[in-house]
Amino acid sequence: MAIIRTTRFTADPAQAEEIIARRAELISAIRAGFAGLTETRLTRVGDDTWVDMWRWDCAASMQAALAGGPTLPEAAAAFSLTRDVSAENAELIDER
């Protein structure tokens, strides 16, 4: 079953372009190193709050990436721009 990982964070609005660029590098590195990432969506709520949703083909794929991903230099670079990070995982039950 597909899993959606939703990460909410705050960041300086002046760094928006850099956030997007570093996120793209992180996504590329995750896809090169781990199977199962099928879709990502980044949204912004207000000036400094962002919500990033990553869809995984299954929980096992997501867990493998969560275990190994933090060792990637791209992860450190991307998260160095963020504050107040929280995340939750949810099973995708229905989509139309």
PDB file of N, CA and C in Angstrom:
ATOM      1  N   MET A   1       0.835  -1.165   0.000  1.00  0.00           N
ATOM      2  CA  MET A   1       0.000   0.000   0.000  1.00  0.00           C
ATOM      3  C   MET A   1       0.890   1.242   0.000  1.00  0.00           C
ATOM      4  N   ALA A   2       0.492   2.246  -0.754  1.00  0.00           N
ATOM      5  CA  ALA A   2       1.251   3.490  -0.841  1.00  0.00           C
ATOM      6  C   ALA A   2       1.230   4.239   0.487  1.00  0.00           C
ATOM      7  N   ILE A   3       2.317   4.951   0.741  1.00  0.00           N
ATOM      8  CA  ILE A   3       2.480   5.729   1.962  1.00  0.00           C
ATOM      9  C   ILE A   3       2.787   7.173   1.564  1.00  0.00           C
ATOM     10  N   ILE A   4       2.186   8.113   2.270  1.00  0.00           N
ATOM     11  CA  ILE A   4       2.484   9.526   2.083  1.00  0.00           C
ATOM     12  C   ILE A   4       3.210  10.013   3.333  1.00  0.00           C
ATOM     13  N   ARG A   5       4.405  10.563   3.144  1.00  0.00           N
ATOM     14  CA  ARG A   5       5.126  11.194   4.253  1.00  0.00           C
ATOM     15  C   ARG A   5       4.988  12.696   4.067  1.00  0.00           C
ATOM     16  N   THR A   6       4.429  13.351   5.070  1.00  0.00           N
ATOM     17  CA  THR A   6       4.219  14.790   5.033  1.00  0.00           C
ATOM     18  C   THR A   6       5.154  15.441   6.041  1.00  0.00           C
ATOM     19  N   THR A   7       5.975  16.356   5.555  1.00  0.00           N
ATOM     20  CA  THR A   7       6.919  17.074   6.396  1.00  0.00           C
ATOM     21  C   THR A   7       6.562  18.553   6.368  1.00  0.00           C
ATOM     22  N   ARG A   8       6.395  19.122   7.535  1.00  0.00           N
ATOM     23  CA  ARG A   8       6.089  20.547   7.667  1.00  0.00           C
ATOM     24  C   ARG A   8       7.321  21.215   8.286  1.00  0.00           C
ATOM     25  N   PHE A   9       7.690  22.379   7.753  1.00  0.00           N
ATOM     26  CA  PHE A   9       8.829  23.100   8.297  1.00  0.00           C
ATOM     27  C   PHE A   9       8.679  24.591   8.034  1.00  0.00           C
ATOM     28  N   THR A  10       9.469  25.363   8.732  1.00  0.00           N
ATOM     29  CA  THR A  10       9.535  26.789   8.465  1.00  0.00           C
ATOM     30  C   THR A  10      10.917  27.106   7.919  1.00  0.00           C
ATOM     31  N   ALA A  11      10.976  28.187   7.148  1.00  0.00           N
ATOM     32  CA  ALA A  11      12.241  28.622   6.554  1.00  0.00           C
ATOM     33  C   ALA A  11      12.130  30.084   6.160  1.00  0.00           C
ATOM     34  N   ASP A  12      13.248  30.717   6.024  1.00  0.00           N
ATOM     35  CA  ASP A  12      13.319  32.122   5.635  1.00  0.00           C
ATOM     36  C   ASP A  12      12.768  32.283   4.213  1.00  0.00           C
ATOM     37  N   PRO A  13      11.747  33.100   4.014  1.00  0.00           N
ATOM     38  CA  PRO A  13      11.187  33.291   2.669  1.00  0.00           C
ATOM     39  C   PRO A  13      12.214  33.788   1.649  1.00  0.00           C
ATOM     40  N   ALA A  14      13.237  34.485   2.107  1.00  0.00           N
ATOM     41  CA  ALA A  14      14.273  34.978   1.202  1.00  0.00           C
ATOM     42  C   ALA A  14      15.102  33.833   0.618  1.00  0.00           C
ATOM     43  N   GLN A  15      15.021  32.659   1.204  1.00  0.00           N
ATOM     44  CA  GLN A  15      15.776  31.505   0.722  1.00  0.00           C
ATOM     45  C   GLN A  15      14.926  30.551  -0.113  1.00  0.00           C
ATOM     46  N   ALA A  16      13.777  30.986  -0.581  1.00  0.00           N
ATOM     47  CA  ALA A  16      12.859  30.106  -1.301  1.00  0.00           C
ATOM     48  C   ALA A  16      13.523  29.416  -2.493  1.00  0.00           C
ATOM     49  N   GLU A  17      14.240  30.144  -3.313  1.00  0.00           N
ATOM     50  CA  GLU A  17      14.885  29.528  -4.488  1.00  0.00           C
ATOM     51  C   GLU A  17      15.902  28.481  -4.071  1.00  0.00           C
ATOM     52  N   GLU A  18      16.659  28.773  -3.023  1.00  0.00           N
ATOM     53  CA  GLU A  18      17.664  27.824  -2.545  1.00  0.00           C
ATOM     54  C   GLU A  18      16.995  26.589  -1.941  1.00  0.00           C
ATOM     55  N   ILE A  19      15.901  26.769  -1.230  1.00  0.00           N
ATOM     56  CA  ILE A  19      15.156  25.636  -0.673  1.00  0.00           C
ATOM     57  C   ILE A  19      14.702  24.707  -1.796  1.00  0.00           C
ATOM     58  N   ILE A  20      14.135  25.281  -2.841  1.00  0.00           N
ATOM     59  CA  ILE A  20      13.639  24.482  -3.966  1.00  0.00           C
ATOM     60  C   ILE A  20      14.784  23.768  -4.669  1.00  0.00           C
ATOM     61  N   ALA A  21      15.896  24.452  -4.862  1.00  0.00           N
ATOM     62  CA  ALA A  21      17.049  23.836  -5.541  1.00  0.00           C
ATOM     63  C   ALA A  21      17.632  22.691  -4.711  1.00  0.00           C
ATOM     64  N   ARG A  22      17.803  22.913  -3.423  1.00  0.00           N
ATOM     65  CA  ARG A  22      18.369  21.857  -2.566  1.00  0.00           C
ATOM     66  C   ARG A  22      17.408  20.688  -2.426  1.00  0.00           C
ATOM     67  N   ARG A  23      16.130  20.966  -2.391  1.00  0.00           N
ATOM     68  CA  ARG A  23      15.130  19.894  -2.334  1.00  0.00           C
ATOM     69  C   ARG A  23      15.216  19.036  -3.592  1.00  0.00           C
ATOM     70  N   ALA A  24      15.351  19.674  -4.751  1.00  0.00           N
ATOM     71  CA  ALA A  24      15.468  18.932  -6.017  1.00  0.00           C
ATOM     72  C   ALA A  24      16.700  18.037  -6.004  1.00  0.00           C
ATOM     73  N   GLU A  25      17.806  18.536  -5.471  1.00  0.00           N
ATOM     74  CA  GLU A  25      19.022  17.720  -5.368  1.00  0.00           C
ATOM     75  C   GLU A  25      18.809  16.541  -4.425  1.00  0.00           C
ATOM     76  N   LEU A  26      18.111  16.785  -3.326  1.00  0.00           N
ATOM     77  CA  LEU A  26      17.824  15.703  -2.381  1.00  0.00           C
ATOM     78  C   LEU A  26      16.934  14.645  -3.020  1.00  0.00           C
ATOM     79  N   ILE A  27      15.910  15.068  -3.728  1.00  0.00           N
ATOM     80  CA  ILE A  27      15.017  14.104  -4.383  1.00  0.00           C
ATOM     81  C   ILE A  27      15.801  13.249  -5.381  1.00  0.00           C
ATOM     82  N   SER A  28      16.660  13.866  -6.154  1.00  0.00           N
ATOM     83  CA  SER A  28      17.480  13.115  -7.121  1.00  0.00           C
ATOM     84  C   SER A  28      18.369  12.105  -6.407  1.00  0.00           C
ATOM     85  N   ALA A  29      18.980  12.520  -5.308  1.00  0.00           N
ATOM     86  CA  ALA A  29      19.856  11.608  -4.561  1.00  0.00           C
ATOM     87  C   ALA A  29      19.068  10.459  -3.945  1.00  0.00           C
ATOM     88  N   ILE A  30      17.896  10.746  -3.404  1.00  0.00           N
ATOM     89  CA  ILE A  30      17.054   9.693  -2.831  1.00  0.00           C
ATOM     90  C   ILE A  30      16.648   8.701  -3.920  1.00  0.00           C
ATOM     91  N   ARG A  31      16.218   9.209  -5.051  1.00  0.00           N
ATOM     92  CA  ARG A  31      15.796   8.311  -6.137  1.00  0.00           C
ATOM     93  C   ARG A  31      16.965   7.480  -6.667  1.00  0.00           C
ATOM     94  N   ALA A  32      18.163   8.041  -6.675  1.00  0.00           N
ATOM     95  CA  ALA A  32      19.341   7.294  -7.142  1.00  0.00           C
ATOM     96  C   ALA A  32      19.753   6.214  -6.144  1.00  0.00           C
ATOM     97  N   GLY A  33      19.511   6.458  -4.862  1.00  0.00           N
ATOM     98  CA  GLY A  33      19.986   5.528  -3.849  1.00  0.00           C
ATOM     99  C   GLY A  33      18.963   4.576  -3.268  1.00  0.00           C
ATOM    100  N   PHE A  34      17.682   4.882  -3.478  1.00  0.00           N
ATOM    101  CA  PHE A  34      16.630   4.090  -2.841  1.00  0.00           C
ATOM    102  C   PHE A  34      15.459   3.912  -3.802  1.00  0.00           C
ATOM    103  N   ALA A  35      14.826   2.776  -3.727  1.00  0.00           N
ATOM    104  CA  ALA A  35      13.654   2.503  -4.570  1.00  0.00           C
ATOM    105  C   ALA A  35      12.392   3.038  -3.907  1.00  0.00           C
ATOM    106  N   GLY A  36      11.378   3.306  -4.728  1.00  0.00           N
ATOM    107  CA  GLY A  36      10.037   3.493  -4.203  1.00  0.00           C
ATOM    108  C   GLY A  36       9.469   4.886  -4.119  1.00  0.00           C
ATOM    109  N   LEU A  37      10.268   5.937  -4.317  1.00  0.00           N
ATOM    110  CA  LEU A  37       9.710   7.288  -4.273  1.00  0.00           C
ATOM    111  C   LEU A  37       9.018   7.553  -5.605  1.00  0.00           C
ATOM    112  N   THR A  38       7.698   7.720  -5.570  1.00  0.00           N
ATOM    113  CA  THR A  38       6.939   7.821  -6.817  1.00  0.00           C
ATOM    114  C   THR A  38       6.483   9.228  -7.154  1.00  0.00           C
ATOM    115  N   GLU A  39       6.392  10.104  -6.140  1.00  0.00           N
ATOM    116  CA  GLU A  39       5.860  11.446  -6.401  1.00  0.00           C
ATOM    117  C   GLU A  39       6.218  12.349  -5.226  1.00  0.00           C
ATOM    118  N   THR A  40       6.451  13.623  -5.529  1.00  0.00           N
ATOM    119  CA  THR A  40       6.658  14.616  -4.469  1.00  0.00           C
ATOM    120  C   THR A  40       5.878  15.879  -4.810  1.00  0.00           C
ATOM    121  N   ARG A  41       5.468  16.581  -3.768  1.00  0.00           N
ATOM    122  CA  ARG A  41       4.761  17.863  -3.935  1.00  0.00           C
ATOM    123  C   ARG A  41       5.196  18.785  -2.801  1.00  0.00           C
ATOM    124  N   LEU A  42       5.556  19.996  -3.160  1.00  0.00           N
ATOM    125  CA  LEU A  42       5.942  20.997  -2.176  1.00  0.00           C
ATOM    126  C   LEU A  42       4.942  22.141  -2.226  1.00  0.00           C
ATOM    127  N   THR A  43       4.428  22.509  -1.066  1.00  0.00           N
ATOM    128  CA  THR A  43       3.487  23.623  -0.983  1.00  0.00           C
ATOM    129  C   THR A  43       3.991  24.602   0.079  1.00  0.00           C
ATOM    130  N   ARG A  44       3.491  25.820  -0.007  1.00  0.00           N
ATOM    131  CA  ARG A  44       3.844  26.810   1.006  1.00  0.00           C
ATOM    132  C   ARG A  44       2.562  27.358   1.610  1.00  0.00           C
ATOM    133  N   VAL A  45       2.550  27.440   2.929  1.00  0.00           N
ATOM    134  CA  VAL A  45       1.413  27.953   3.678  1.00  0.00           C
ATOM    135  C   VAL A  45       1.880  29.260   4.311  1.00  0.00           C
ATOM    136  N   GLY A  46       1.457  30.376   3.779  1.00  0.00           N
ATOM    137  CA  GLY A  46       1.946  31.650   4.278  1.00  0.00           C
ATOM    138  C   GLY A  46       3.354  31.916   3.774  1.00  0.00           C
ATOM    139  N   ASP A  47       4.030  32.836   4.406  1.00  0.00           N
ATOM    140  CA  ASP A  47       5.355  33.240   3.939  1.00  0.00           C
ATOM    141  C   ASP A  47       6.455  32.255   4.295  1.00  0.00           C
ATOM    142  N   ASP A  48       6.417  31.699   5.501  1.00  0.00           N
ATOM    143  CA  ASP A  48       7.573  30.922   5.949  1.00  0.00           C
ATOM    144  C   ASP A  48       7.289  29.473   6.304  1.00  0.00           C
ATOM    145  N   THR A  49       6.086  28.987   6.089  1.00  0.00           N
ATOM    146  CA  THR A  49       5.741  27.602   6.414  1.00  0.00           C
ATOM    147  C   THR A  49       5.536  26.805   5.135  1.00  0.00           C
ATOM    148  N   TRP A  50       6.206  25.674   5.070  1.00  0.00           N
ATOM    149  CA  TRP A  50       6.183  24.805   3.895  1.00  0.00           C
ATOM    150  C   TRP A  50       5.648  23.438   4.292  1.00  0.00           C
ATOM    151  N   VAL A  51       5.003  22.766   3.353  1.00  0.00           N
ATOM    152  CA  VAL A  51       4.537  21.392   3.550  1.00  0.00           C
ATOM    153  C   VAL A  51       5.018  20.586   2.347  1.00  0.00           C
ATOM    154  N   ASP A  52       5.788  19.544   2.633  1.00  0.00           N
ATOM    155  CA  ASP A  52       6.390  18.714   1.582  1.00  0.00           C
ATOM    156  C   ASP A  52       5.813  17.309   1.699  1.00  0.00           C
ATOM    157  N   MET A  53       5.207  16.809   0.618  1.00  0.00           N
ATOM    158  CA  MET A  53       4.584  15.489   0.622  1.00  0.00           C
ATOM    159  C   MET A  53       5.314  14.574  -0.350  1.00  0.00           C
ATOM    160  N   TRP A  54       5.751  13.450   0.152  1.00  0.00           N
ATOM    161  CA  TRP A  54       6.445  12.451  -0.667  1.00  0.00           C
ATOM    162  C   TRP A  54       5.628  11.165  -0.641  1.00  0.00           C
ATOM    163  N   ARG A  55       5.347  10.647  -1.819  1.00  0.00           N
ATOM    164  CA  ARG A  55       4.582   9.399  -1.935  1.00  0.00           C
ATOM    165  C   ARG A  55       5.550   8.250  -2.205  1.00  0.00           C
ATOM    166  N   TRP A  56       5.395   7.209  -1.417  1.00  0.00           N
ATOM    167  CA  TRP A  56       6.225   6.010  -1.529  1.00  0.00           C
ATOM    168  C   TRP A  56       5.352   4.840  -1.963  1.00  0.00           C
ATOM    169  N   ASP A  57       5.934   3.892  -2.680  1.00  0.00           N
ATOM    170  CA  ASP A  57       5.164   2.739  -3.133  1.00  0.00           C
ATOM    171  C   ASP A  57       4.733   1.842  -1.977  1.00  0.00           C
ATOM    172  N   CYS A  58       5.521   1.839  -0.886  1.00  0.00           N
ATOM    173  CA  CYS A  58       5.174   1.027   0.284  1.00  0.00           C
ATOM    174  C   CYS A  58       5.973   1.512   1.491  1.00  0.00           C
ATOM    175  N   ALA A  59       5.564   1.066   2.657  1.00  0.00           N
ATOM    176  CA  ALA A  59       6.223   1.483   3.898  1.00  0.00           C
ATOM    177  C   ALA A  59       7.678   1.020   3.943  1.00  0.00           C
ATOM    178  N   ALA A  60       7.963  -0.166   3.422  1.00  0.00           N
ATOM    179  CA  ALA A  60       9.333  -0.686   3.470  1.00  0.00           C
ATOM    180  C   ALA A  60      10.291   0.201   2.672  1.00  0.00           C
ATOM    181  N   SER A  61       9.860   0.677   1.523  1.00  0.00           N
ATOM    182  CA  SER A  61      10.701   1.578   0.718  1.00  0.00           C
ATOM    183  C   SER A  61      10.964   2.873   1.474  1.00  0.00           C
ATOM    184  N   MET A  62       9.925   3.428   2.063  1.00  0.00           N
ATOM    185  CA  MET A  62      10.086   4.663   2.816  1.00  0.00           C
ATOM    186  C   MET A  62      11.026   4.459   4.001  1.00  0.00           C
ATOM    187  N   GLN A  63      10.856   3.374   4.731  1.00  0.00           N
ATOM    188  CA  GLN A  63      11.698   3.111   5.894  1.00  0.00           C
ATOM    189  C   GLN A  63      13.165   2.950   5.501  1.00  0.00           C
ATOM    190  N   ALA A  64      13.423   2.292   4.367  1.00  0.00           N
ATOM    191  CA  ALA A  64      14.808   2.143   3.905  1.00  0.00           C
ATOM    192  C   ALA A  64      15.427   3.507   3.610  1.00  0.00           C
ATOM    193  N   ALA A  65      14.672   4.372   2.970  1.00  0.00           N
ATOM    194  CA  ALA A  65      15.178   5.713   2.661  1.00  0.00           C
ATOM    195  C   ALA A  65      15.346   6.544   3.935  1.00  0.00           C
ATOM    196  N   LEU A  66      14.420   6.417   4.878  1.00  0.00           N
ATOM    197  CA  LEU A  66      14.548   7.152   6.131  1.00  0.00           C
ATOM    198  C   LEU A  66      15.767   6.692   6.929  1.00  0.00           C
ATOM    199  N   ALA A  67      16.107   5.425   6.810  1.00  0.00           N
ATOM    200  CA  ALA A  67      17.272   4.903   7.529  1.00  0.00           C
ATOM    201  C   ALA A  67      18.579   5.374   6.890  1.00  0.00           C
ATOM    202  N   GLY A  68      18.630   5.393   5.562  1.00  0.00           N
ATOM    203  CA  GLY A  68      19.871   5.737   4.879  1.00  0.00           C
ATOM    204  C   GLY A  68      19.973   7.169   4.403  1.00  0.00           C
ATOM    205  N   GLY A  69      18.849   7.810   4.190  1.00  0.00           N
ATOM    206  CA  GLY A  69      18.832   9.160   3.636  1.00  0.00           C
ATOM    207  C   GLY A  69      19.584  10.206   4.439  1.00  0.00           C
ATOM    208  N   PRO A  70      19.499  10.185   5.771  1.00  0.00           N
ATOM    209  CA  PRO A  70      20.194  11.215   6.547  1.00  0.00           C
ATOM    210  C   PRO A  70      21.711  11.225   6.366  1.00  0.00           C
ATOM    211  N   THR A  71      22.278  10.155   5.849  1.00  0.00           N
ATOM    212  CA  THR A  71      23.725  10.129   5.620  1.00  0.00           C
ATOM    213  C   THR A  71      24.116  10.831   4.316  1.00  0.00           C
ATOM    214  N   LEU A  72      23.135  11.158   3.494  1.00  0.00           N
ATOM    215  CA  LEU A  72      23.422  11.822   2.221  1.00  0.00           C
ATOM    216  C   LEU A  72      23.778  13.290   2.454  1.00  0.00           C
ATOM    217  N   PRO A  73      24.823  13.791   1.799  1.00  0.00           N
ATOM    218  CA  PRO A  73      25.148  15.213   1.942  1.00  0.00           C
ATOM    219  C   PRO A  73      24.016  16.120   1.463  1.00  0.00           C
ATOM    220  N   GLU A  74      23.230  15.659   0.505  1.00  0.00           N
ATOM    221  CA  GLU A  74      22.102  16.447   0.011  1.00  0.00           C
ATOM    222  C   GLU A  74      21.035  16.644   1.086  1.00  0.00           C
ATOM    223  N   ALA A  75      20.884  15.658   1.959  1.00  0.00           N
ATOM    224  CA  ALA A  75      19.912  15.786   3.054  1.00  0.00           C
ATOM    225  C   ALA A  75      20.369  16.855   4.043  1.00  0.00           C
ATOM    226  N   ALA A  76      21.633  16.813   4.407  1.00  0.00           N
ATOM    227  CA  ALA A  76      22.157  17.829   5.328  1.00  0.00           C
ATOM    228  C   ALA A  76      22.030  19.221   4.721  1.00  0.00           C
ATOM    229  N   ALA A  77      22.331  19.358   3.451  1.00  0.00           N
ATOM    230  CA  ALA A  77      22.246  20.662   2.787  1.00  0.00           C
ATOM    231  C   ALA A  77      20.811  21.168   2.752  1.00  0.00           C
ATOM    232  N   ALA A  78      19.872  20.299   2.422  1.00  0.00           N
ATOM    233  CA  ALA A  78      18.472  20.713   2.329  1.00  0.00           C
ATOM    234  C   ALA A  78      17.917  21.084   3.701  1.00  0.00           C
ATOM    235  N   PHE A  79      18.163  20.256   4.694  1.00  0.00           N
ATOM    236  CA  PHE A  79      17.586  20.501   6.016  1.00  0.00           C
ATOM    237  C   PHE A  79      18.298  21.616   6.781  1.00  0.00           C
ATOM    238  N   SER A  80      19.479  22.028   6.318  1.00  0.00           N
ATOM    239  CA  SER A  80      20.167  23.131   7.001  1.00  0.00           C
ATOM    240  C   SER A  80      19.412  24.454   6.852  1.00  0.00           C
ATOM    241  N   LEU A  81      18.511  24.530   5.894  1.00  0.00           N
ATOM    242  CA  LEU A  81      17.733  25.744   5.661  1.00  0.00           C
ATOM    243  C   LEU A  81      16.399  25.743   6.409  1.00  0.00           C
ATOM    244  N   THR A  82      16.097  24.667   7.116  1.00  0.00           N
ATOM    245  CA  THR A  82      14.768  24.513   7.725  1.00  0.00           C
ATOM    246  C   THR A  82      14.818  24.643   9.240  1.00  0.00           C
ATOM    247  N   ARG A  83      13.654  24.976   9.806  1.00  0.00           N
ATOM    248  CA  ARG A  83      13.463  25.024  11.257  1.00  0.00           C
ATOM    249  C   ARG A  83      12.116  24.378  11.575  1.00  0.00           C
ATOM    250  N   ASP A  84      11.939  24.035  12.821  1.00  0.00           N
ATOM    251  CA  ASP A  84      10.639  23.539  13.301  1.00  0.00           C
ATOM    252  C   ASP A  84      10.095  22.409  12.421  1.00  0.00           C
ATOM    253  N   VAL A  85      10.913  21.427  12.156  1.00  0.00           N
ATOM    254  CA  VAL A  85      10.536  20.323  11.270  1.00  0.00           C
ATOM    255  C   VAL A  85       9.698  19.296  12.027  1.00  0.00           C
ATOM    256  N   SER A  86       8.580  18.900  11.425  1.00  0.00           N
ATOM    257  CA  SER A  86       7.776  17.792  11.944  1.00  0.00           C
ATOM    258  C   SER A  86       7.327  16.947  10.758  1.00  0.00           C
ATOM    259  N   ALA A  87       7.111  15.671  11.008  1.00  0.00           N
ATOM    260  CA  ALA A  87       6.712  14.773   9.922  1.00  0.00           C
ATOM    261  C   ALA A  87       5.726  13.736  10.429  1.00  0.00           C
ATOM    262  N   GLU A  88       4.884  13.279   9.504  1.00  0.00           N
ATOM    263  CA  GLU A  88       3.993  12.164   9.816  1.00  0.00           C
ATOM    264  C   GLU A  88       3.807  11.325   8.569  1.00  0.00           C
ATOM    265  N   ASN A  89       3.517  10.052   8.802  1.00  0.00           N
ATOM    266  CA  ASN A  89       3.312   9.090   7.724  1.00  0.00           C
ATOM    267  C   ASN A  89       1.866   8.637   7.736  1.00  0.00           C
ATOM    268  N   ALA A  90       1.321   8.408   6.550  1.00  0.00           N
ATOM    269  CA  ALA A  90      -0.066   7.953   6.450  1.00  0.00           C
ATOM    270  C   ALA A  90      -0.214   6.979   5.301  1.00  0.00           C
ATOM    271  N   GLU A  91      -1.010   5.952   5.509  1.00  0.00           N
ATOM    272  CA  GLU A  91      -1.351   5.028   4.424  1.00  0.00           C
ATOM    273  C   GLU A  91      -2.340   5.708   3.501  1.00  0.00           C
ATOM    274  N   LEU A  92      -2.121   5.566   2.214  1.00  0.00           N
ATOM    275  CA  LEU A  92      -3.060   6.097   1.233  1.00  0.00           C
ATOM    276  C   LEU A  92      -4.206   5.095   1.095  1.00  0.00           C
ATOM    277  N   ILE A  93      -5.391   5.509   1.456  1.00  0.00           N
ATOM    278  CA  ILE A  93      -6.547   4.629   1.471  1.00  0.00           C
ATOM    279  C   ILE A  93      -7.365   4.730   0.195  1.00  0.00           C
ATOM    280  N   ASP A  94      -7.558   5.952  -0.295  1.00  0.00           N
ATOM    281  CA  ASP A  94      -8.409   6.129  -1.475  1.00  0.00           C
ATOM    282  C   ASP A  94      -7.942   7.366  -2.221  1.00  0.00           C
ATOM    283  N   GLU A  95      -7.956   7.294  -3.531  1.00  0.00           N
ATOM    284  CA  GLU A  95      -7.729   8.476  -4.364  1.00  0.00           C
ATOM    285  C   GLU A  95      -8.565   8.336  -5.618  1.00  0.00           C
ATOM    286  N   ARG A  96      -9.014   9.438  -6.135  1.00  0.00           N
ATOM    287  CA  ARG A  96      -9.903   9.408  -7.299  1.00  0.00           C
ATOM    288  C   ARG A  96      -9.454  10.401  -8.318  1.00  0.00           C
TER     289      ARG A  96
END
